[in-house]
Amino acid sequence: MKEIKILRAGILSHEAVDNEMKKIQQMRINDEINDVLILVEHPEIVTMGAKAIRDKIVVDEDYKTSNVDRGGGITWHGPGQLVVYPIIKWEKNEQNIRGIIGKIEELIIKTLQDCGIRGYRNPKMMGVWVDEKKICSIGLAFLHWVSRHGLALNYATPGDRIESLFCCGLEKGTTTSLDKLGYIHDEEGKIIDRERLEIALISNIESALGRIPQKPLDWSVENGL
Protein backbone atom coordinates (compact mmCIF):
# COMPACT_ATOMS: atom_id res chain seq x y z
CA MET A 1 0.00 0.00 0.00
CA LYS A 2 1.34 3.43 -0.96
CA GLU A 3 2.12 6.16 1.54
CA ILE A 4 0.61 9.65 1.50
CA LYS A 5 2.28 12.76 2.87
CA ILE A 6 0.13 14.77 5.30
CA LEU A 7 0.68 18.54 5.31
CA ARG A 8 -1.00 20.42 8.16
CA ALA A 9 -1.26 24.08 7.29
CA GLY A 10 -2.64 26.76 9.55
CA ILE A 11 -4.71 29.51 7.97
CA LEU A 12 -3.64 30.20 4.39
CA SER A 13 -5.31 32.11 1.58
CA HIS A 14 -7.19 30.07 -0.98
CA GLU A 15 -5.22 31.71 -3.79
CA ALA A 16 -1.86 30.71 -2.32
CA VAL A 17 -2.86 27.11 -1.74
CA ASP A 18 -4.60 26.84 -5.12
CA ASN A 19 -1.45 27.96 -6.91
CA GLU A 20 0.69 25.55 -4.90
CA MET A 21 -1.71 22.67 -5.58
CA LYS A 22 -1.21 23.08 -9.31
CA LYS A 23 2.55 22.71 -8.85
CA ILE A 24 2.14 19.70 -6.56
CA GLN A 25 -0.29 18.07 -8.99
CA GLN A 26 2.22 18.37 -11.83
CA MET A 27 4.97 16.96 -9.62
CA ARG A 28 2.73 14.00 -8.78
CA ILE A 29 1.92 13.45 -12.46
CA ASN A 30 5.65 13.30 -13.13
CA ASP A 31 6.15 10.85 -10.21
CA GLU A 32 8.54 13.29 -8.56
CA ILE A 33 6.64 12.96 -5.27
CA ASN A 34 4.23 10.60 -3.53
CA ASP A 35 0.57 11.36 -2.92
CA VAL A 36 -0.10 14.45 -0.79
CA LEU A 37 -2.99 15.53 1.40
CA ILE A 38 -3.23 19.15 2.60
CA LEU A 39 -5.25 20.17 5.69
CA VAL A 40 -5.96 23.90 5.85
CA GLU A 41 -8.38 26.68 6.77
CA HIS A 42 -8.97 29.66 4.50
CA PRO A 43 -9.97 33.26 5.24
CA GLU A 44 -13.48 33.80 3.93
CA ILE A 45 -13.92 33.39 0.19
CA VAL A 46 -16.59 31.93 -2.09
CA THR A 47 -15.23 29.79 -4.92
CA MET A 48 -17.17 29.59 -8.15
CA GLY A 49 -17.01 26.24 -9.92
CA ALA A 50 -17.70 25.49 -13.56
CA LYS A 51 -21.47 25.18 -13.11
CA ALA A 52 -21.70 28.45 -11.17
CA ILE A 53 -19.73 30.25 -13.86
CA ARG A 54 -21.76 28.69 -16.65
CA ASP A 55 -25.06 29.55 -14.94
CA LYS A 56 -23.81 33.10 -14.21
CA ILE A 57 -24.54 32.76 -10.50
CA VAL A 58 -24.30 36.09 -8.69
CA VAL A 59 -23.14 36.26 -5.06
CA ASP A 60 -23.83 39.22 -2.76
CA GLU A 61 -21.12 41.85 -3.06
CA ASP A 62 -20.05 41.49 0.58
CA TYR A 63 -18.56 38.09 -0.27
CA LYS A 64 -15.14 37.89 -1.91
CA THR A 65 -15.25 35.40 -4.80
CA SER A 66 -12.79 33.47 -6.95
CA ASN A 67 -13.36 31.39 -10.09
CA VAL A 68 -11.86 27.89 -9.90
CA ASP A 69 -11.41 25.03 -12.35
CA ARG A 70 -13.33 22.35 -10.49
CA GLY A 71 -16.84 21.15 -11.24
CA GLY A 72 -19.93 22.19 -9.34
CA GLY A 73 -21.43 25.43 -8.11
CA ILE A 74 -20.42 27.81 -5.35
CA THR A 75 -18.60 26.75 -2.19
CA TRP A 76 -18.05 28.91 0.89
CA HIS A 77 -14.68 28.77 2.63
CA GLY A 78 -13.81 30.45 5.89
CA PRO A 79 -13.33 30.13 9.66
CA GLY A 80 -14.75 27.04 11.31
CA GLN A 81 -14.21 24.89 8.24
CA LEU A 82 -11.63 22.16 7.66
CA VAL A 83 -10.54 22.07 4.02
CA VAL A 84 -8.84 18.93 2.73
CA TYR A 85 -7.03 18.71 -0.60
CA PRO A 86 -6.10 15.18 -1.74
CA ILE A 87 -3.49 15.38 -4.51
CA ILE A 88 -3.50 11.69 -5.33
CA LYS A 89 -2.51 9.66 -8.36
CA TRP A 90 -5.34 7.15 -8.58
CA GLU A 91 -4.44 3.64 -9.73
CA LYS A 92 -6.03 2.06 -12.81
CA ASN A 93 -8.41 0.01 -10.70
CA GLU A 94 -9.51 3.21 -8.93
CA GLN A 95 -10.05 5.36 -12.01
CA ASN A 96 -13.75 6.00 -11.66
CA ILE A 97 -14.78 9.51 -10.63
CA ARG A 98 -17.89 8.45 -8.73
CA GLY A 99 -15.87 5.75 -7.01
CA ILE A 100 -13.21 8.27 -5.97
CA ILE A 101 -15.88 10.64 -4.64
CA GLY A 102 -17.30 7.68 -2.72
CA LYS A 103 -13.93 7.05 -1.06
CA ILE A 104 -13.73 10.69 0.03
CA GLU A 105 -17.29 10.61 1.33
CA GLU A 106 -16.43 7.47 3.27
CA LEU A 107 -13.41 9.23 4.78
CA ILE A 108 -15.68 11.98 6.14
CA ILE A 109 -18.38 9.57 7.30
CA LYS A 110 -15.79 7.58 9.27
CA THR A 111 -14.29 10.80 10.66
CA LEU A 112 -17.67 11.96 11.91
CA GLN A 113 -18.41 8.52 13.33
CA ASP A 114 -15.27 8.76 15.44
CA CYS A 115 -16.72 11.97 16.89
CA GLY A 116 -20.07 10.34 17.65
CA ILE A 117 -21.89 11.85 14.66
CA ARG A 118 -23.85 9.94 12.03
CA GLY A 119 -22.98 11.26 8.58
CA TYR A 120 -24.47 9.85 5.41
CA ARG A 121 -24.59 10.23 1.64
CA ASN A 122 -27.34 11.79 -0.43
CA PRO A 123 -27.73 9.66 -3.57
CA LYS A 124 -28.68 12.73 -5.61
CA MET A 125 -25.46 14.68 -5.07
CA MET A 126 -21.88 14.56 -3.81
CA GLY A 127 -21.02 15.34 -0.21
CA VAL A 128 -21.90 14.26 3.31
CA TRP A 129 -25.06 15.09 5.26
CA VAL A 130 -26.04 15.16 8.93
CA ASP A 131 -29.63 15.49 10.15
CA GLU A 132 -30.86 16.39 6.65
CA LYS A 133 -28.35 19.22 6.32
CA LYS A 134 -25.24 19.27 4.15
CA ILE A 135 -22.09 19.75 6.20
CA CYS A 136 -19.41 18.62 3.73
CA SER A 137 -19.00 19.67 0.10
CA ILE A 138 -16.76 17.87 -2.38
CA GLY A 139 -15.42 19.14 -5.70
CA LEU A 140 -12.47 17.74 -7.62
CA ALA A 141 -10.53 18.33 -10.81
CA PHE A 142 -8.38 15.68 -12.49
CA LEU A 143 -5.38 15.75 -14.78
CA HIS A 144 -3.96 12.38 -15.88
CA TRP A 145 -5.97 10.89 -12.99
CA VAL A 146 -4.24 13.02 -10.38
CA SER A 147 -6.86 14.81 -8.29
CA ARG A 148 -6.81 18.43 -7.18
CA HIS A 149 -9.20 20.56 -5.11
CA GLY A 150 -11.07 18.54 -2.49
CA LEU A 151 -13.56 18.83 0.35
CA ALA A 152 -14.81 21.38 2.86
CA LEU A 153 -16.12 20.14 6.23
CA ASN A 154 -18.07 22.74 8.22
CA TYR A 155 -17.85 22.41 11.99
CA ALA A 156 -18.25 25.94 13.46
CA THR A 157 -18.81 28.55 10.75
CA PRO A 158 -19.62 32.15 11.77
CA GLY A 159 -23.13 33.60 11.87
CA ASP A 160 -25.19 32.76 8.81
CA ARG A 161 -22.43 33.37 6.28
CA ILE A 162 -22.72 29.92 4.74
CA GLU A 163 -26.46 29.54 5.33
CA SER A 164 -27.13 32.71 3.31
CA LEU A 165 -25.72 31.18 0.12
CA PHE A 166 -27.17 28.81 -2.49
CA CYS A 167 -24.24 26.45 -1.95
CA CYS A 168 -24.00 23.77 -4.65
CA GLY A 169 -27.32 25.04 -6.01
CA LEU A 170 -29.18 24.08 -2.82
CA GLU A 171 -31.71 26.29 -1.07
CA LYS A 172 -30.34 28.75 1.46
CA GLY A 173 -29.89 27.15 4.87
CA THR A 174 -29.42 23.63 3.49
CA THR A 175 -25.66 23.80 3.88
CA THR A 176 -24.62 24.46 7.47
CA SER A 177 -22.10 23.43 10.13
CA LEU A 178 -21.99 20.87 12.91
CA ASP A 179 -22.23 23.36 15.77
CA LYS A 180 -25.52 24.73 14.43
CA LEU A 181 -26.90 21.20 14.56
CA GLY A 182 -25.85 20.90 18.19
CA TYR A 183 -22.69 18.88 17.59
CA ILE A 184 -20.23 20.95 19.60
CA HIS A 185 -19.03 18.20 21.96
CA ASP A 186 -19.07 14.42 21.75
CA GLU A 187 -20.77 12.18 24.31
CA GLU A 188 -17.68 12.37 26.54
CA GLY A 189 -17.73 16.15 26.51
CA LYS A 190 -14.71 16.54 24.21
CA ILE A 191 -14.96 19.50 21.87
CA ILE A 192 -15.37 18.80 18.16
CA ASP A 193 -12.92 21.29 16.72
CA ARG A 194 -10.47 21.38 13.85
CA GLU A 195 -7.76 19.49 15.74
CA ARG A 196 -10.17 16.74 16.74
CA LEU A 197 -11.44 16.37 13.18
CA GLU A 198 -7.93 16.32 11.71
CA ILE A 199 -6.85 13.55 14.08
CA ALA A 200 -9.93 11.48 13.26
CA LEU A 201 -9.57 12.09 9.54
CA ILE A 202 -5.90 11.08 9.44
CA SER A 203 -6.68 7.89 11.37
CA ASN A 204 -9.21 6.86 8.69
CA ILE A 205 -7.13 7.55 5.57
CA GLU A 206 -5.82 4.01 5.28
CA SER A 207 -9.23 2.32 5.46
CA ALA A 208 -11.06 4.88 3.28
CA LEU A 209 -8.45 5.93 0.71
CA GLY A 210 -6.15 2.93 0.70
CA ARG A 211 -3.03 4.97 1.51
CA ILE A 212 -0.83 4.86 4.59
CA PRO A 213 -0.54 8.34 6.14
CA GLN A 214 2.93 9.52 7.05
CA LYS A 215 3.51 11.50 10.23
CA PRO A 216 1.82 14.90 9.71
CA LEU A 217 4.11 17.82 8.94
CA ASP A 218 3.48 21.51 9.65
CA TRP A 219 3.50 23.26 6.28
CA SER A 220 3.22 26.59 4.52
CA VAL A 221 3.49 27.37 0.82
CA GLU A 222 6.86 29.03 1.39
CA ASN A 223 8.28 25.71 2.60
CA GLY A 224 7.44 23.85 -0.61
CA LEU A 225 7.80 20.08 -0.37
C-alpha atoms as a PDB file:
ATOM      1  CA  MET A   1       0.000   0.000   0.000  1.00  0.00           C
ATOM      2  CA  LYS A   2       1.340   3.435  -0.962  1.00  0.00           C
ATOM      3  CA  GLU A   3       2.121   6.163   1.541  1.00  0.00           C
ATOM      4  CA  ILE A   4       0.606   9.646   1.496  1.00  0.00           C
ATOM      5  CA  LYS A   5       2.279  12.762   2.868  1.00  0.00           C
ATOM      6  CA  ILE A   6       0.128  14.773   5.298  1.00  0.00           C
ATOM      7  CA  LEU A   7       0.684  18.544   5.306  1.00  0.00           C
ATOM      8  CA  ARG A   8      -0.996  20.418   8.157  1.00  0.00           C
ATOM      9  CA  ALA A   9      -1.256  24.083   7.290  1.00  0.00           C
ATOM     10  CA  GLY A  10      -2.637  26.763   9.554  1.00  0.00           C
ATOM     11  CA  ILE A  11      -4.710  29.508   7.968  1.00  0.00           C
ATOM     12  CA  LEU A  12      -3.644  30.198   4.391  1.00  0.00           C
ATOM     13  CA  SER A  13      -5.314  32.108   1.575  1.00  0.00           C
ATOM     14  CA  HIS A  14      -7.193  30.066  -0.985  1.00  0.00           C
ATOM     15  CA  GLU A  15      -5.220  31.706  -3.790  1.00  0.00           C
ATOM     16  CA  ALA A  16      -1.859  30.712  -2.323  1.00  0.00           C
ATOM     17  CA  VAL A  17      -2.863  27.106  -1.740  1.00  0.00           C
ATOM     18  CA  ASP A  18      -4.595  26.840  -5.118  1.00  0.00           C
ATOM     19  CA  ASN A  19      -1.449  27.961  -6.908  1.00  0.00           C
ATOM     20  CA  GLU A  20       0.695  25.545  -4.904  1.00  0.00           C
ATOM     21  CA  MET A  21      -1.713  22.673  -5.585  1.00  0.00           C
ATOM     22  CA  LYS A  22      -1.207  23.081  -9.313  1.00  0.00           C
ATOM     23  CA  LYS A  23       2.550  22.712  -8.849  1.00  0.00           C
ATOM     24  CA  ILE A  24       2.141  19.701  -6.564  1.00  0.00           C
ATOM     25  CA  GLN A  25      -0.292  18.073  -8.989  1.00  0.00           C
ATOM     26  CA  GLN A  26       2.224  18.366 -11.833  1.00  0.00           C
ATOM     27  CA  MET A  27       4.972  16.958  -9.625  1.00  0.00           C
ATOM     28  CA  ARG A  28       2.727  14.000  -8.783  1.00  0.00           C
ATOM     29  CA  ILE A  29       1.916  13.448 -12.460  1.00  0.00           C
ATOM     30  CA  ASN A  30       5.649  13.304 -13.131  1.00  0.00           C
ATOM     31  CA  ASP A  31       6.145  10.853 -10.210  1.00  0.00           C
ATOM     32  CA  GLU A  32       8.544  13.293  -8.560  1.00  0.00           C
ATOM     33  CA  ILE A  33       6.645  12.960  -5.265  1.00  0.00           C
ATOM     34  CA  ASN A  34       4.227  10.603  -3.525  1.00  0.00           C
ATOM     35  CA  ASP A  35       0.571  11.362  -2.920  1.00  0.00           C
ATOM     36  CA  VAL A  36      -0.095  14.451  -0.791  1.00  0.00           C
ATOM     37  CA  LEU A  37      -2.985  15.533   1.401  1.00  0.00           C
ATOM     38  CA  ILE A  38      -3.234  19.153   2.605  1.00  0.00           C
ATOM     39  CA  LEU A  39      -5.254  20.165   5.686  1.00  0.00           C
ATOM     40  CA  VAL A  40      -5.959  23.897   5.849  1.00  0.00           C
ATOM     41  CA  GLU A  41      -8.376  26.679   6.774  1.00  0.00           C
ATOM     42  CA  HIS A  42      -8.967  29.665   4.497  1.00  0.00           C
ATOM     43  CA  PRO A  43      -9.970  33.257   5.242  1.00  0.00           C
ATOM     44  CA  GLU A  44     -13.480  33.804   3.926  1.00  0.00           C
ATOM     45  CA  ILE A  45     -13.920  33.392   0.187  1.00  0.00           C
ATOM     46  CA  VAL A  46     -16.594  31.930  -2.087  1.00  0.00           C
ATOM     47  CA  THR A  47     -15.227  29.791  -4.915  1.00  0.00           C
ATOM     48  CA  MET A  48     -17.169  29.594  -8.155  1.00  0.00           C
ATOM     49  CA  GLY A  49     -17.011  26.238  -9.917  1.00  0.00           C
ATOM     50  CA  ALA A  50     -17.699  25.494 -13.564  1.00  0.00           C
ATOM     51  CA  LYS A  51     -21.469  25.184 -13.107  1.00  0.00           C
ATOM     52  CA  ALA A  52     -21.701  28.448 -11.170  1.00  0.00           C
ATOM     53  CA  ILE A  53     -19.726  30.250 -13.859  1.00  0.00           C
ATOM     54  CA  ARG A  54     -21.764  28.689 -16.654  1.00  0.00           C
ATOM     55  CA  ASP A  55     -25.056  29.553 -14.935  1.00  0.00           C
ATOM     56  CA  LYS A  56     -23.810  33.096 -14.213  1.00  0.00           C
ATOM     57  CA  ILE A  57     -24.540  32.759 -10.505  1.00  0.00           C
ATOM     58  CA  VAL A  58     -24.297  36.088  -8.685  1.00  0.00           C
ATOM     59  CA  VAL A  59     -23.139  36.262  -5.058  1.00  0.00           C
ATOM     60  CA  ASP A  60     -23.831  39.219  -2.760  1.00  0.00           C
ATOM     61  CA  GLU A  61     -21.115  41.846  -3.062  1.00  0.00           C
ATOM     62  CA  ASP A  62     -20.052  41.491   0.584  1.00  0.00           C
ATOM     63  CA  TYR A  63     -18.558  38.086  -0.267  1.00  0.00           C
ATOM     64  CA  LYS A  64     -15.143  37.891  -1.912  1.00  0.00           C
ATOM     65  CA  THR A  65     -15.247  35.405  -4.801  1.00  0.00           C
ATOM     66  CA  SER A  66     -12.790  33.468  -6.951  1.00  0.00           C
ATOM     67  CA  ASN A  67     -13.358  31.387 -10.090  1.00  0.00           C
ATOM     68  CA  VAL A  68     -11.859  27.887  -9.895  1.00  0.00           C
ATOM     69  CA  ASP A  69     -11.409  25.026 -12.351  1.00  0.00           C
ATOM     70  CA  ARG A  70     -13.333  22.347 -10.494  1.00  0.00           C
ATOM     71  CA  GLY A  71     -16.835  21.148 -11.240  1.00  0.00           C
ATOM     72  CA  GLY A  72     -19.931  22.186  -9.338  1.00  0.00           C
ATOM     73  CA  GLY A  73     -21.430  25.433  -8.112  1.00  0.00           C
ATOM     74  CA  ILE A  74     -20.422  27.807  -5.347  1.00  0.00           C
ATOM     75  CA  THR A  75     -18.600  26.745  -2.191  1.00  0.00           C
ATOM     76  CA  TRP A  76     -18.052  28.910   0.893  1.00  0.00           C
ATOM     77  CA  HIS A  77     -14.677  28.774   2.632  1.00  0.00           C
ATOM     78  CA  GLY A  78     -13.811  30.448   5.894  1.00  0.00           C
ATOM     79  CA  PRO A  79     -13.327  30.129   9.663  1.00  0.00           C
ATOM     80  CA  GLY A  80     -14.748  27.036  11.310  1.00  0.00           C
ATOM     81  CA  GLN A  81     -14.212  24.893   8.237  1.00  0.00           C
ATOM     82  CA  LEU A  82     -11.631  22.161   7.663  1.00  0.00           C
ATOM     83  CA  VAL A  83     -10.535  22.068   4.024  1.00  0.00           C
ATOM     84  CA  VAL A  84      -8.839  18.929   2.731  1.00  0.00           C
ATOM     85  CA  TYR A  85      -7.033  18.713  -0.603  1.00  0.00           C
ATOM     86  CA  PRO A  86      -6.102  15.177  -1.745  1.00  0.00           C
ATOM     87  CA  ILE A  87      -3.486  15.378  -4.515  1.00  0.00           C
ATOM     88  CA  ILE A  88      -3.505  11.694  -5.331  1.00  0.00           C
ATOM     89  CA  LYS A  89      -2.510   9.656  -8.364  1.00  0.00           C
ATOM     90  CA  TRP A  90      -5.340   7.152  -8.583  1.00  0.00           C
ATOM     91  CA  GLU A  91      -4.441   3.641  -9.727  1.00  0.00           C
ATOM     92  CA  LYS A  92      -6.033   2.058 -12.809  1.00  0.00           C
ATOM     93  CA  ASN A  93      -8.411   0.007 -10.701  1.00  0.00           C
ATOM     94  CA  GLU A  94      -9.511   3.213  -8.933  1.00  0.00           C
ATOM     95  CA  GLN A  95     -10.046   5.364 -12.014  1.00  0.00           C
ATOM     96  CA  ASN A  96     -13.753   6.003 -11.662  1.00  0.00           C
ATOM     97  CA  ILE A  97     -14.778   9.506 -10.633  1.00  0.00           C
ATOM     98  CA  ARG A  98     -17.886   8.449  -8.732  1.00  0.00           C
ATOM     99  CA  GLY A  99     -15.872   5.754  -7.007  1.00  0.00           C
ATOM    100  CA  ILE A 100     -13.212   8.271  -5.968  1.00  0.00           C
ATOM    101  CA  ILE A 101     -15.884  10.637  -4.645  1.00  0.00           C
ATOM    102  CA  GLY A 102     -17.304   7.679  -2.725  1.00  0.00           C
ATOM    103  CA  LYS A 103     -13.931   7.053  -1.064  1.00  0.00           C
ATOM    104  CA  ILE A 104     -13.732  10.694   0.034  1.00  0.00           C
ATOM    105  CA  GLU A 105     -17.292  10.612   1.325  1.00  0.00           C
ATOM    106  CA  GLU A 106     -16.426   7.469   3.268  1.00  0.00           C
ATOM    107  CA  LEU A 107     -13.415   9.229   4.778  1.00  0.00           C
ATOM    108  CA  ILE A 108     -15.678  11.980   6.142  1.00  0.00           C
ATOM    109  CA  ILE A 109     -18.383   9.574   7.301  1.00  0.00           C
ATOM    110  CA  LYS A 110     -15.789   7.581   9.266  1.00  0.00           C
ATOM    111  CA  THR A 111     -14.286  10.804  10.655  1.00  0.00           C
ATOM    112  CA  LEU A 112     -17.671  11.961  11.907  1.00  0.00           C
ATOM    113  CA  GLN A 113     -18.412   8.520  13.331  1.00  0.00           C
ATOM    114  CA  ASP A 114     -15.268   8.761  15.442  1.00  0.00           C
ATOM    115  CA  CYS A 115     -16.723  11.973  16.890  1.00  0.00           C
ATOM    116  CA  GLY A 116     -20.071  10.337  17.652  1.00  0.00           C
ATOM    117  CA  ILE A 117     -21.886  11.848  14.663  1.00  0.00           C
ATOM    118  CA  ARG A 118     -23.854   9.943  12.030  1.00  0.00           C
ATOM    119  CA  GLY A 119     -22.978  11.260   8.583  1.00  0.00           C
ATOM    120  CA  TYR A 120     -24.470   9.845   5.411  1.00  0.00           C
ATOM    121  CA  ARG A 121     -24.586  10.227   1.637  1.00  0.00           C
ATOM    122  CA  ASN A 122     -27.340  11.794  -0.427  1.00  0.00           C
ATOM    123  CA  PRO A 123     -27.729   9.662  -3.567  1.00  0.00           C
ATOM    124  CA  LYS A 124     -28.678  12.729  -5.613  1.00  0.00           C
ATOM    125  CA  MET A 125     -25.457  14.680  -5.072  1.00  0.00           C
ATOM    126  CA  MET A 126     -21.881  14.562  -3.813  1.00  0.00           C
ATOM    127  CA  GLY A 127     -21.016  15.345  -0.208  1.00  0.00           C
ATOM    128  CA  VAL A 128     -21.900  14.263   3.310  1.00  0.00           C
ATOM    129  CA  TRP A 129     -25.057  15.087   5.258  1.00  0.00           C
ATOM    130  CA  VAL A 130     -26.037  15.156   8.933  1.00  0.00           C
ATOM    131  CA  ASP A 131     -29.635  15.491  10.148  1.00  0.00           C
ATOM    132  CA  GLU A 132     -30.860  16.388   6.646  1.00  0.00           C
ATOM    133  CA  LYS A 133     -28.350  19.222   6.320  1.00  0.00           C
ATOM    134  CA  LYS A 134     -25.237  19.270   4.153  1.00  0.00           C
ATOM    135  CA  ILE A 135     -22.090  19.752   6.202  1.00  0.00           C
ATOM    136  CA  CYS A 136     -19.406  18.625   3.731  1.00  0.00           C
ATOM    137  CA  SER A 137     -19.001  19.671   0.102  1.00  0.00           C
ATOM    138  CA  ILE A 138     -16.762  17.868  -2.381  1.00  0.00           C
ATOM    139  CA  GLY A 139     -15.419  19.136  -5.697  1.00  0.00           C
ATOM    140  CA  LEU A 140     -12.474  17.736  -7.622  1.00  0.00           C
ATOM    141  CA  ALA A 141     -10.530  18.334 -10.812  1.00  0.00           C
ATOM    142  CA  PHE A 142      -8.385  15.682 -12.492  1.00  0.00           C
ATOM    143  CA  LEU A 143      -5.375  15.747 -14.781  1.00  0.00           C
ATOM    144  CA  HIS A 144      -3.962  12.381 -15.877  1.00  0.00           C
ATOM    145  CA  TRP A 145      -5.970  10.890 -12.994  1.00  0.00           C
ATOM    146  CA  VAL A 146      -4.240  13.019 -10.379  1.00  0.00           C
ATOM    147  CA  SER A 147      -6.856  14.807  -8.285  1.00  0.00           C
ATOM    148  CA  ARG A 148      -6.807  18.429  -7.184  1.00  0.00           C
ATOM    149  CA  HIS A 149      -9.199  20.561  -5.112  1.00  0.00           C
ATOM    150  CA  GLY A 150     -11.066  18.539  -2.493  1.00  0.00           C
ATOM    151  CA  LEU A 151     -13.556  18.834   0.345  1.00  0.00           C
ATOM    152  CA  ALA A 152     -14.814  21.377   2.861  1.00  0.00           C
ATOM    153  CA  LEU A 153     -16.118  20.144   6.235  1.00  0.00           C
ATOM    154  CA  ASN A 154     -18.074  22.740   8.224  1.00  0.00           C
ATOM    155  CA  TYR A 155     -17.847  22.415  11.993  1.00  0.00           C
ATOM    156  CA  ALA A 156     -18.254  25.940  13.461  1.00  0.00           C
ATOM    157  CA  THR A 157     -18.813  28.555  10.747  1.00  0.00           C
ATOM    158  CA  PRO A 158     -19.619  32.148  11.772  1.00  0.00           C
ATOM    159  CA  GLY A 159     -23.135  33.596  11.873  1.00  0.00           C
ATOM    160  CA  ASP A 160     -25.192  32.762   8.814  1.00  0.00           C
ATOM    161  CA  ARG A 161     -22.432  33.369   6.275  1.00  0.00           C
ATOM    162  CA  ILE A 162     -22.719  29.920   4.742  1.00  0.00           C
ATOM    163  CA  GLU A 163     -26.457  29.540   5.332  1.00  0.00           C
ATOM    164  CA  SER A 164     -27.126  32.710   3.306  1.00  0.00           C
ATOM    165  CA  LEU A 165     -25.722  31.178   0.117  1.00  0.00           C
ATOM    166  CA  PHE A 166     -27.168  28.815  -2.485  1.00  0.00           C
ATOM    167  CA  CYS A 167     -24.238  26.453  -1.955  1.00  0.00           C
ATOM    168  CA  CYS A 168     -24.004  23.768  -4.648  1.00  0.00           C
ATOM    169  CA  GLY A 169     -27.320  25.040  -6.010  1.00  0.00           C
ATOM    170  CA  LEU A 170     -29.177  24.076  -2.822  1.00  0.00           C
ATOM    171  CA  GLU A 171     -31.708  26.286  -1.065  1.00  0.00           C
ATOM    172  CA  LYS A 172     -30.341  28.752   1.459  1.00  0.00           C
ATOM    173  CA  GLY A 173     -29.887  27.149   4.874  1.00  0.00           C
ATOM    174  CA  THR A 174     -29.421  23.627   3.493  1.00  0.00           C
ATOM    175  CA  THR A 175     -25.657  23.796   3.881  1.00  0.00           C
ATOM    176  CA  THR A 176     -24.624  24.463   7.468  1.00  0.00           C
ATOM    177  CA  SER A 177     -22.097  23.430  10.128  1.00  0.00           C
ATOM    178  CA  LEU A 178     -21.986  20.867  12.909  1.00  0.00           C
ATOM    179  CA  ASP A 179     -22.234  23.363  15.770  1.00  0.00           C
ATOM    180  CA  LYS A 180     -25.522  24.730  14.428  1.00  0.00           C
ATOM    181  CA  LEU A 181     -26.905  21.198  14.560  1.00  0.00           C
ATOM    182  CA  GLY A 182     -25.851  20.897  18.194  1.00  0.00           C
ATOM    183  CA  TYR A 183     -22.691  18.882  17.595  1.00  0.00           C
ATOM    184  CA  ILE A 184     -20.229  20.949  19.602  1.00  0.00           C
ATOM    185  CA  HIS A 185     -19.027  18.201  21.956  1.00  0.00           C
ATOM    186  CA  ASP A 186     -19.069  14.418  21.750  1.00  0.00           C
ATOM    187  CA  GLU A 187     -20.767  12.181  24.313  1.00  0.00           C
ATOM    188  CA  GLU A 188     -17.682  12.368  26.543  1.00  0.00           C
ATOM    189  CA  GLY A 189     -17.734  16.148  26.512  1.00  0.00           C
ATOM    190  CA  LYS A 190     -14.705  16.538  24.215  1.00  0.00           C
ATOM    191  CA  ILE A 191     -14.965  19.496  21.866  1.00  0.00           C
ATOM    192  CA  ILE A 192     -15.371  18.797  18.163  1.00  0.00           C
ATOM    193  CA  ASP A 193     -12.918  21.295  16.717  1.00  0.00           C
ATOM    194  CA  ARG A 194     -10.467  21.379  13.847  1.00  0.00           C
ATOM    195  CA  GLU A 195      -7.763  19.489  15.735  1.00  0.00           C
ATOM    196  CA  ARG A 196     -10.167  16.735  16.740  1.00  0.00           C
ATOM    197  CA  LEU A 197     -11.440  16.374  13.181  1.00  0.00           C
ATOM    198  CA  GLU A 198      -7.931  16.319  11.715  1.00  0.00           C
ATOM    199  CA  ILE A 199      -6.846  13.549  14.077  1.00  0.00           C
ATOM    200  CA  ALA A 200      -9.934  11.485  13.260  1.00  0.00           C
ATOM    201  CA  LEU A 201      -9.568  12.092   9.535  1.00  0.00           C
ATOM    202  CA  ILE A 202      -5.903  11.078   9.441  1.00  0.00           C
ATOM    203  CA  SER A 203      -6.681   7.887  11.366  1.00  0.00           C
ATOM    204  CA  ASN A 204      -9.207   6.862   8.691  1.00  0.00           C
ATOM    205  CA  ILE A 205      -7.134   7.546   5.574  1.00  0.00           C
ATOM    206  CA  GLU A 206      -5.817   4.005   5.280  1.00  0.00           C
ATOM    207  CA  SER A 207      -9.228   2.325   5.457  1.00  0.00           C
ATOM    208  CA  ALA A 208     -11.062   4.885   3.284  1.00  0.00           C
ATOM    209  CA  LEU A 209      -8.454   5.931   0.712  1.00  0.00           C
ATOM    210  CA  GLY A 210      -6.148   2.925   0.701  1.00  0.00           C
ATOM    211  CA  ARG A 211      -3.034   4.970   1.512  1.00  0.00           C
ATOM    212  CA  ILE A 212      -0.829   4.856   4.595  1.00  0.00           C
ATOM    213  CA  PRO A 213      -0.538   8.337   6.138  1.00  0.00           C
ATOM    214  CA  GLN A 214       2.926   9.525   7.054  1.00  0.00           C
ATOM    215  CA  LYS A 215       3.511  11.505  10.226  1.00  0.00           C
ATOM    216  CA  PRO A 216       1.815  14.903   9.711  1.00  0.00           C
ATOM    217  CA  LEU A 217       4.107  17.825   8.940  1.00  0.00           C
ATOM    218  CA  ASP A 218       3.478  21.506   9.646  1.00  0.00           C
ATOM    219  CA  TRP A 219       3.503  23.262   6.283  1.00  0.00           C
ATOM    220  CA  SER A 220       3.215  26.587   4.519  1.00  0.00           C
ATOM    221  CA  VAL A 221       3.487  27.368   0.816  1.00  0.00           C
ATOM    222  CA  GLU A 222       6.859  29.028   1.392  1.00  0.00           C
ATOM    223  CA  ASN A 223       8.281  25.711   2.603  1.00  0.00           C
ATOM    224  CA  GLY A 224       7.439  23.848  -0.607  1.00  0.00           C
ATOM    225  CA  LEU A 225       7.801  20.082  -0.375  1.00  0.00           C
END
